[in-house]
């Protein structure tokens, strides 16, 4: 019984580790440059370990938000980056 739980537990841990990874402008300059200027559908690299794709853009009176899909060997995760006018992506 214990052996049957090991693989699912490892899978859950690897997926959760991937989904908690966050990037800063210093760690992923190409991602943040793309958030600033590239259209939806744009794909690029985050270092040598991950690929990103900008999937959607949402605009409100106070925020600009972009959804990004990040794929690496650890799995695929979705991120949402938002900023106020003149601010930094968070």
Protein backbone atom coordinates (compact mmCIF):
# COMPACT_ATOMS: atom_id res chain seq x y z
CA UNK A 1 0.00 0.00 0.00
CA UNK A 2 2.78 2.43 0.93
CA UNK A 3 4.53 1.86 -2.41
CA UNK A 4 1.34 2.82 -4.26
CA UNK A 5 1.33 6.21 -2.55
CA UNK A 6 4.95 7.14 -3.35
CA UNK A 7 4.49 7.93 -7.05
CA UNK A 8 1.39 10.11 -6.60
CA UNK A 9 3.07 11.93 -3.71
CA UNK A 10 6.17 12.64 -5.79
CA UNK A 11 4.02 13.86 -8.67
CA UNK A 12 2.10 16.22 -6.40
CA UNK A 13 5.33 17.57 -4.92
CA UNK A 14 6.91 18.18 -8.32
CA UNK A 15 3.82 19.94 -9.67
CA UNK A 16 3.45 22.09 -6.57
CA UNK A 17 7.15 23.01 -6.69
CA UNK A 18 6.74 24.15 -10.27
CA UNK A 19 3.62 26.15 -9.56
CA UNK A 20 5.25 28.06 -6.70
CA UNK A 21 8.22 29.26 -8.76
CA UNK A 22 8.08 33.00 -9.28
CA UNK A 23 10.36 35.08 -11.45
CA UNK A 24 11.78 38.56 -11.07
CA UNK A 25 12.99 40.90 -13.81
CA UNK A 26 16.58 40.05 -12.81
CA UNK A 27 15.96 36.28 -13.12
CA UNK A 28 13.88 36.38 -16.31
CA UNK A 29 14.62 39.59 -18.25
CA UNK A 30 13.23 38.22 -21.53
CA UNK A 31 9.90 37.38 -19.87
CA UNK A 32 9.53 40.87 -18.41
CA UNK A 33 10.62 42.53 -21.66
CA UNK A 34 7.94 40.46 -23.45
CA UNK A 35 5.31 41.44 -20.85
CA UNK A 36 6.14 45.07 -21.60
CA UNK A 37 5.95 44.91 -25.39
CA UNK A 38 5.01 41.61 -27.06
CA UNK A 39 1.54 40.48 -28.23
CA UNK A 40 -0.49 37.52 -27.00
CA UNK A 41 0.90 34.27 -28.38
CA UNK A 42 4.51 35.39 -27.98
CA UNK A 43 6.87 32.59 -26.83
CA UNK A 44 10.29 32.89 -25.27
CA UNK A 45 12.80 31.33 -22.90
CA UNK A 46 13.39 31.76 -19.21
CA UNK A 47 17.06 30.89 -18.92
CA UNK A 48 17.74 27.37 -20.14
CA UNK A 49 15.15 25.59 -18.00
CA UNK A 50 11.74 26.92 -19.05
CA UNK A 51 9.66 28.23 -21.95
CA UNK A 52 6.91 30.82 -21.58
CA UNK A 53 3.95 31.91 -23.68
CA UNK A 54 1.87 35.04 -23.14
CA UNK A 55 -1.71 33.79 -23.47
CA UNK A 56 -4.05 36.68 -22.62
CA UNK A 57 -4.10 40.36 -21.73
CA UNK A 58 -6.72 42.10 -19.57
CA UNK A 59 -7.05 45.84 -19.13
CA UNK A 60 -9.03 47.72 -16.50
CA UNK A 61 -9.02 51.36 -15.41
CA UNK A 62 -6.31 50.67 -12.84
CA UNK A 63 -4.50 47.48 -13.90
CA UNK A 64 -2.89 45.80 -16.87
CA UNK A 65 -2.71 42.00 -16.43
CA UNK A 66 -1.17 39.32 -18.62
CA UNK A 67 -1.53 35.56 -18.27
CA UNK A 68 1.58 33.51 -18.97
CA UNK A 69 1.98 29.76 -19.40
CA UNK A 70 5.36 28.45 -18.18
CA UNK A 71 6.57 24.98 -19.15
CA UNK A 72 9.66 23.26 -17.78
CA UNK A 73 10.84 19.74 -17.09
CA UNK A 74 8.91 19.94 -13.81
CA UNK A 75 5.60 20.55 -15.58
CA UNK A 76 3.41 23.38 -16.76
CA UNK A 77 2.07 26.24 -14.69
CA UNK A 78 0.11 29.42 -15.34
CA UNK A 79 1.05 32.80 -13.93
CA UNK A 80 -0.75 36.12 -13.92
CA UNK A 81 1.36 39.26 -13.92
CA UNK A 82 -0.28 42.62 -13.23
CA UNK A 83 0.88 46.21 -12.91
CA UNK A 84 -0.49 49.68 -12.42
CA UNK A 85 0.28 52.31 -15.04
CA UNK A 86 3.99 53.12 -14.82
CA UNK A 87 4.56 50.36 -12.25
CA UNK A 88 6.41 47.06 -12.20
CA UNK A 89 4.96 43.64 -13.03
CA UNK A 90 3.99 41.60 -9.96
